[in-house]
């Protein structure tokens, strides 16, 4: 893709959601953790793929009342407002940093298998998943096992996915399978590197 003399590069612009009460297992530090310092962490791509069709942004469906969303998603009102703090009718990327309980992803894999049909119905797709190979630079080692990026057609689609009863039915696998779970929302931004 090119724009003028430059190359179009898509950059993910992120907003930290905060993770209190969001699939963090019994680790209280994980529920209130924030990113500090910079990390340069090499990773190995485990898979890129498509579940569902290519999200292109679309008019969002009507969301339930805030109280219902809080109950169904496990997110706080503030976290839901952070998810919705962005263009409603454009695609959104959900970036998740994961540390598995006992370093084993098998329990979390049951959660992923359970949400796959809901992702497909909501027009979402896994964009990338990779494991961390080693720690290179930063104020402290992040201690994550994997990172995932999932694209949704819009922000409400993400919340509707989390509030789906089929996702609630498998959410214990997420909670039991993760020692630490950080979630970011990200949109696209174009930059021109001049080459």
C-alpha atoms as a PDB file:
ATOM      1  CA  UNK A   1       0.000   0.000   0.000  1.00  0.00           C
ATOM      2  CA  UNK A   2       1.409   3.381  -0.822  1.00  0.00           C
ATOM      3  CA  UNK A   3       0.403   6.965  -0.380  1.00  0.00           C
ATOM      4  CA  UNK A   4       2.216   9.499  -2.544  1.00  0.00           C
ATOM      5  CA  UNK A   5       5.951   8.820  -2.334  1.00  0.00           C
ATOM      6  CA  UNK A   6       5.607   7.119   1.025  1.00  0.00           C
ATOM      7  CA  UNK A   7       4.465   3.803   2.299  1.00  0.00           C
ATOM      8  CA  UNK A   8       1.228   3.585   4.238  1.00  0.00           C
ATOM      9  CA  UNK A   9       1.876   1.993   7.586  1.00  0.00           C
ATOM     10  CA  UNK A  10      -0.918   1.085   9.934  1.00  0.00           C
ATOM     11  CA  UNK A  11      -0.105   1.765  13.553  1.00  0.00           C
ATOM     12  CA  UNK A  12      -2.183   0.500  16.428  1.00  0.00           C
ATOM     13  CA  UNK A  13      -3.074   3.323  18.795  1.00  0.00           C
ATOM     14  CA  UNK A  14      -3.919   1.873  22.190  1.00  0.00           C
ATOM     15  CA  UNK A  15      -5.902   2.721  25.290  1.00  0.00           C
ATOM     16  CA  UNK A  16      -5.357   0.737  28.489  1.00  0.00           C
ATOM     17  CA  UNK A  17      -8.619  -0.717  29.732  1.00  0.00           C
ATOM     18  CA  UNK A  18      -7.530  -1.743  33.171  1.00  0.00           C
ATOM     19  CA  UNK A  19      -8.182  -5.281  34.231  1.00  0.00           C
ATOM     20  CA  UNK A  20      -9.779  -5.413  37.649  1.00  0.00           C
ATOM     21  CA  UNK A  21     -12.053  -8.414  37.678  1.00  0.00           C
ATOM     22  CA  UNK A  22     -11.311  -9.400  34.069  1.00  0.00           C
ATOM     23  CA  UNK A  23     -10.077 -12.969  33.911  1.00  0.00           C
ATOM     24  CA  UNK A  24      -7.043 -12.511  36.144  1.00  0.00           C
ATOM     25  CA  UNK A  25      -7.277 -15.643  38.194  1.00  0.00           C
ATOM     26  CA  UNK A  26      -6.531 -15.069  41.861  1.00  0.00           C
ATOM     27  CA  UNK A  27      -3.634 -12.674  41.301  1.00  0.00           C
ATOM     28  CA  UNK A  28      -4.658  -9.295  42.861  1.00  0.00           C
ATOM     29  CA  UNK A  29      -1.636  -7.520  41.365  1.00  0.00           C
ATOM     30  CA  UNK A  30      -2.806  -8.542  37.891  1.00  0.00           C
ATOM     31  CA  UNK A  31      -6.179  -6.922  38.470  1.00  0.00           C
ATOM     32  CA  UNK A  32      -4.669  -3.486  39.098  1.00  0.00           C
ATOM     33  CA  UNK A  33      -1.488  -3.687  37.042  1.00  0.00           C
ATOM     34  CA  UNK A  34      -0.457  -0.963  34.633  1.00  0.00           C
ATOM     35  CA  UNK A  35       2.262  -0.804  32.055  1.00  0.00           C
ATOM     36  CA  UNK A  36       5.409   0.931  33.253  1.00  0.00           C
ATOM     37  CA  UNK A  37       8.517   1.585  31.202  1.00  0.00           C
ATOM     38  CA  UNK A  38       9.095   0.303  27.708  1.00  0.00           C
ATOM     39  CA  UNK A  39       9.457  -3.255  26.607  1.00  0.00           C
ATOM     40  CA  UNK A  40      11.030  -4.631  23.508  1.00  0.00           C
ATOM     41  CA  UNK A  41      10.092  -8.269  23.578  1.00  0.00           C
ATOM     42  CA  UNK A  42      10.886 -10.547  20.651  1.00  0.00           C
ATOM     43  CA  UNK A  43       8.071 -12.888  19.794  1.00  0.00           C
ATOM     44  CA  UNK A  44       7.253 -15.884  17.688  1.00  0.00           C
ATOM     45  CA  UNK A  45       4.132 -15.862  15.576  1.00  0.00           C
ATOM     46  CA  UNK A  46       1.914 -18.761  16.574  1.00  0.00           C
ATOM     47  CA  UNK A  47      -0.814 -18.057  14.131  1.00  0.00           C
ATOM     48  CA  UNK A  48      -2.522 -15.521  12.010  1.00  0.00           C
ATOM     49  CA  UNK A  49      -5.932 -16.276  10.839  1.00  0.00           C
ATOM     50  CA  UNK A  50      -9.423 -15.375  10.194  1.00  0.00           C
ATOM     51  CA  UNK A  51     -12.395 -16.310  12.229  1.00  0.00           C
ATOM     52  CA  UNK A  52     -15.307 -14.600  10.628  1.00  0.00           C
ATOM     53  CA  UNK A  53     -15.166 -12.217   7.743  1.00  0.00           C
ATOM     54  CA  UNK A  54     -12.833  -9.287   7.264  1.00  0.00           C
ATOM     55  CA  UNK A  55     -14.133  -6.546   9.586  1.00  0.00           C
ATOM     56  CA  UNK A  56     -14.582  -3.296   7.714  1.00  0.00           C
ATOM     57  CA  UNK A  57     -16.431  -1.242  10.272  1.00  0.00           C
ATOM     58  CA  UNK A  58     -20.175  -1.111  10.391  1.00  0.00           C
ATOM     59  CA  UNK A  59     -23.036   0.491  12.199  1.00  0.00           C
ATOM     60  CA  UNK A  60     -23.096  -0.938  15.722  1.00  0.00           C
ATOM     61  CA  UNK A  61     -25.953  -2.918  17.152  1.00  0.00           C
ATOM     62  CA  UNK A  62     -27.858  -1.496  20.086  1.00  0.00           C
ATOM     63  CA  UNK A  63     -26.126  -2.251  23.399  1.00  0.00           C
ATOM     64  CA  UNK A  64     -28.028  -3.346  26.514  1.00  0.00           C
ATOM     65  CA  UNK A  65     -28.250  -0.983  29.493  1.00  0.00           C
ATOM     66  CA  UNK A  66     -24.976  -0.314  31.342  1.00  0.00           C
ATOM     67  CA  UNK A  67     -26.014  -2.368  34.379  1.00  0.00           C
ATOM     68  CA  UNK A  68     -26.694  -5.376  32.147  1.00  0.00           C
ATOM     69  CA  UNK A  69     -23.345  -4.927  30.362  1.00  0.00           C
ATOM     70  CA  UNK A  70     -21.465  -4.774  33.666  1.00  0.00           C
ATOM     71  CA  UNK A  71     -23.143  -7.945  34.863  1.00  0.00           C
ATOM     72  CA  UNK A  72     -22.712  -9.829  31.589  1.00  0.00           C
ATOM     73  CA  UNK A  73     -19.132  -8.808  30.722  1.00  0.00           C
ATOM     74  CA  UNK A  74     -17.483  -8.615  34.138  1.00  0.00           C
ATOM     75  CA  UNK A  75     -16.117  -5.193  33.207  1.00  0.00           C
ATOM     76  CA  UNK A  76     -16.728  -2.121  35.348  1.00  0.00           C
ATOM     77  CA  UNK A  77     -18.697   0.870  34.044  1.00  0.00           C
ATOM     78  CA  UNK A  78     -15.409   2.752  33.688  1.00  0.00           C
ATOM     79  CA  UNK A  79     -13.853  -0.060  31.655  1.00  0.00           C
ATOM     80  CA  UNK A  80     -16.907  -0.237  29.380  1.00  0.00           C
ATOM     81  CA  UNK A  81     -16.733   3.524  28.863  1.00  0.00           C
ATOM     82  CA  UNK A  82     -13.053   3.147  27.908  1.00  0.00           C
ATOM     83  CA  UNK A  83     -13.980   0.517  25.335  1.00  0.00           C
ATOM     84  CA  UNK A  84     -16.607   2.842  23.880  1.00  0.00           C
ATOM     85  CA  UNK A  85     -14.271   5.881  23.929  1.00  0.00           C
ATOM     86  CA  UNK A  86     -13.557   5.870  20.226  1.00  0.00           C
ATOM     87  CA  UNK A  87     -15.313   5.801  16.875  1.00  0.00           C
ATOM     88  CA  UNK A  88     -18.370   3.544  17.171  1.00  0.00           C
ATOM     89  CA  UNK A  89     -18.593   2.659  13.488  1.00  0.00           C
ATOM     90  CA  UNK A  90     -14.937   1.817  12.771  1.00  0.00           C
ATOM     91  CA  UNK A  91     -13.046  -1.431  13.369  1.00  0.00           C
ATOM     92  CA  UNK A  92     -11.326  -1.861  16.730  1.00  0.00           C
ATOM     93  CA  UNK A  93      -8.442  -4.130  17.631  1.00  0.00           C
ATOM     94  CA  UNK A  94      -8.438  -5.826  21.030  1.00  0.00           C
ATOM     95  CA  UNK A  95      -4.855  -6.407  22.131  1.00  0.00           C
ATOM     96  CA  UNK A  96      -4.505  -8.878  25.002  1.00  0.00           C
ATOM     97  CA  UNK A  97      -1.347  -9.647  26.957  1.00  0.00           C
ATOM     98  CA  UNK A  98      -1.633 -13.069  28.572  1.00  0.00           C
ATOM     99  CA  UNK A  99       0.259 -14.937  31.267  1.00  0.00           C
ATOM    100  CA  UNK A 100      -1.070 -18.435  31.711  1.00  0.00           C
ATOM    101  CA  UNK A 101      -1.566 -20.150  35.021  1.00  0.00           C
ATOM    102  CA  UNK A 102       1.458 -22.397  35.536  1.00  0.00           C
ATOM    103  CA  UNK A 103       2.673 -21.419  32.025  1.00  0.00           C
ATOM    104  CA  UNK A 104       0.153 -23.805  30.448  1.00  0.00           C
ATOM    105  CA  UNK A 105      -2.329 -22.517  27.874  1.00  0.00           C
ATOM    106  CA  UNK A 106      -4.525 -25.662  27.815  1.00  0.00           C
ATOM    107  CA  UNK A 107      -7.239 -24.238  30.115  1.00  0.00           C
ATOM    108  CA  UNK A 108      -7.336 -20.928  28.249  1.00  0.00           C
ATOM    109  CA  UNK A 109      -7.562 -22.835  24.943  1.00  0.00           C
ATOM    110  CA  UNK A 110     -10.962 -24.163  26.099  1.00  0.00           C
ATOM    111  CA  UNK A 111     -12.137 -20.543  26.428  1.00  0.00           C
ATOM    112  CA  UNK A 112     -10.860 -19.699  22.935  1.00  0.00           C
ATOM    113  CA  UNK A 113     -12.637 -22.716  21.464  1.00  0.00           C
ATOM    114  CA  UNK A 114     -15.855 -21.706  23.195  1.00  0.00           C
ATOM    115  CA  UNK A 115     -15.842 -18.118  21.941  1.00  0.00           C
ATOM    116  CA  UNK A 116     -14.862 -18.927  18.334  1.00  0.00           C
ATOM    117  CA  UNK A 117     -18.472 -19.296  17.069  1.00  0.00           C
ATOM    118  CA  UNK A 118     -19.462 -16.019  18.739  1.00  0.00           C
ATOM    119  CA  UNK A 119     -16.484 -14.217  17.180  1.00  0.00           C
ATOM    120  CA  UNK A 120     -17.515 -15.507  13.773  1.00  0.00           C
ATOM    121  CA  UNK A 121     -21.115 -14.377  14.224  1.00  0.00           C
ATOM    122  CA  UNK A 122     -19.971 -10.909  15.333  1.00  0.00           C
ATOM    123  CA  UNK A 123     -17.698 -10.507  12.308  1.00  0.00           C
ATOM    124  CA  UNK A 124     -14.521 -10.609  14.401  1.00  0.00           C
ATOM    125  CA  UNK A 125     -11.278 -12.312  13.470  1.00  0.00           C
ATOM    126  CA  UNK A 126      -8.000 -13.261  15.104  1.00  0.00           C
ATOM    127  CA  UNK A 127      -5.347 -11.098  13.465  1.00  0.00           C
ATOM    128  CA  UNK A 128      -2.256 -12.388  15.242  1.00  0.00           C
ATOM    129  CA  UNK A 129      -1.121 -14.461  18.182  1.00  0.00           C
ATOM    130  CA  UNK A 130       2.488 -14.840  19.257  1.00  0.00           C
ATOM    131  CA  UNK A 131       4.529 -16.127  22.165  1.00  0.00           C
ATOM    132  CA  UNK A 132       7.271 -14.103  23.827  1.00  0.00           C
ATOM    133  CA  UNK A 133      10.759 -15.452  23.167  1.00  0.00           C
ATOM    134  CA  UNK A 134      12.663 -13.322  25.651  1.00  0.00           C
ATOM    135  CA  UNK A 135      12.980 -10.011  27.446  1.00  0.00           C
ATOM    136  CA  UNK A 136      15.301  -7.427  25.854  1.00  0.00           C
ATOM    137  CA  UNK A 137      14.629  -3.882  27.115  1.00  0.00           C
ATOM    138  CA  UNK A 138      12.534  -2.204  29.797  1.00  0.00           C
ATOM    139  CA  UNK A 139      12.120  -1.241  33.425  1.00  0.00           C
ATOM    140  CA  UNK A 140      10.999  -4.711  34.472  1.00  0.00           C
ATOM    141  CA  UNK A 141      10.270  -7.998  32.769  1.00  0.00           C
ATOM    142  CA  UNK A 142       6.589  -8.105  31.772  1.00  0.00           C
ATOM    143  CA  UNK A 143       6.189 -11.828  32.376  1.00  0.00           C
ATOM    144  CA  UNK A 144       3.649 -12.534  29.638  1.00  0.00           C
ATOM    145  CA  UNK A 145       3.443 -15.780  27.696  1.00  0.00           C
ATOM    146  CA  UNK A 146       1.459 -14.590  24.675  1.00  0.00           C
ATOM    147  CA  UNK A 147      -0.137 -11.617  23.014  1.00  0.00           C
ATOM    148  CA  UNK A 148      -3.238 -11.771  20.848  1.00  0.00           C
ATOM    149  CA  UNK A 149      -4.790  -9.227  18.515  1.00  0.00           C
ATOM    150  CA  UNK A 150      -8.440  -9.659  17.551  1.00  0.00           C
ATOM    151  CA  UNK A 151     -10.244  -7.295  15.180  1.00  0.00           C
ATOM    152  CA  UNK A 152     -13.926  -6.475  15.672  1.00  0.00           C
ATOM    153  CA  UNK A 153     -16.071  -4.531  13.185  1.00  0.00           C
ATOM    154  CA  UNK A 154     -16.776  -1.921  15.893  1.00  0.00           C
ATOM    155  CA  UNK A 155     -16.512  -1.349  19.659  1.00  0.00           C
ATOM    156  CA  UNK A 156     -20.070  -2.415  20.535  1.00  0.00           C
ATOM    157  CA  UNK A 157     -19.451  -5.739  18.730  1.00  0.00           C
ATOM    158  CA  UNK A 158     -16.665  -6.457  21.232  1.00  0.00           C
ATOM    159  CA  UNK A 159     -18.954  -5.772  24.201  1.00  0.00           C
ATOM    160  CA  UNK A 160     -21.782  -7.778  22.640  1.00  0.00           C
ATOM    161  CA  UNK A 161     -19.358 -10.683  22.209  1.00  0.00           C
ATOM    162  CA  UNK A 162     -18.323 -10.535  25.878  1.00  0.00           C
ATOM    163  CA  UNK A 163     -21.948 -10.332  26.991  1.00  0.00           C
ATOM    164  CA  UNK A 164     -23.075 -13.321  24.892  1.00  0.00           C
ATOM    165  CA  UNK A 165     -24.330 -16.162  27.143  1.00  0.00           C
ATOM    166  CA  UNK A 166     -22.095 -18.652  25.297  1.00  0.00           C
ATOM    167  CA  UNK A 167     -19.026 -16.604  26.266  1.00  0.00           C
ATOM    168  CA  UNK A 168     -20.243 -16.400  29.865  1.00  0.00           C
ATOM    169  CA  UNK A 169     -20.569 -20.196  29.844  1.00  0.00           C
ATOM    170  CA  UNK A 170     -16.831 -20.604  29.134  1.00  0.00           C
ATOM    171  CA  UNK A 171     -15.479 -17.542  30.971  1.00  0.00           C
ATOM    172  CA  UNK A 172     -14.345 -19.676  33.917  1.00  0.00           C
ATOM    173  CA  UNK A 173     -11.730 -21.194  31.585  1.00  0.00           C
ATOM    174  CA  UNK A 174     -10.403 -17.680  30.951  1.00  0.00           C
ATOM    175  CA  UNK A 175     -10.320 -16.846  34.656  1.00  0.00           C
ATOM    176  CA  UNK A 176      -8.772 -20.183  35.658  1.00  0.00           C
ATOM    177  CA  UNK A 177      -6.341 -20.260  32.744  1.00  0.00           C
ATOM    178  CA  UNK A 178      -4.829 -16.797  33.227  1.00  0.00           C
ATOM    179  CA  UNK A 179      -2.605 -15.500  36.000  1.00  0.00           C
ATOM    180  CA  UNK A 180      -2.393 -12.055  34.322  1.00  0.00           C
ATOM    181  CA  UNK A 181      -4.618 -10.549  31.641  1.00  0.00           C
ATOM    182  CA  UNK A 182      -4.151  -7.028  30.249  1.00  0.00           C
ATOM    183  CA  UNK A 183      -6.513  -5.700  27.589  1.00  0.00           C
ATOM    184  CA  UNK A 184      -6.066  -2.718  25.273  1.00  0.00           C
ATOM    185  CA  UNK A 185      -8.301  -1.254  22.615  1.00  0.00           C
ATOM    186  CA  UNK A 186      -6.569   0.010  19.485  1.00  0.00           C
ATOM    187  CA  UNK A 187      -7.623   1.795  16.327  1.00  0.00           C
ATOM    188  CA  UNK A 188      -5.768   2.343  13.091  1.00  0.00           C
ATOM    189  CA  UNK A 189      -3.641   5.373  12.329  1.00  0.00           C
ATOM    190  CA  UNK A 190      -1.740   6.021   9.131  1.00  0.00           C
ATOM    191  CA  UNK A 191       1.809   7.343   9.063  1.00  0.00           C
ATOM    192  CA  UNK A 192       4.088   8.089   6.141  1.00  0.00           C
ATOM    193  CA  UNK A 193       7.655   6.913   6.660  1.00  0.00           C
ATOM    194  CA  UNK A 194       8.782   8.623   3.488  1.00  0.00           C
ATOM    195  CA  UNK A 195       9.971   5.571   1.575  1.00  0.00           C
END
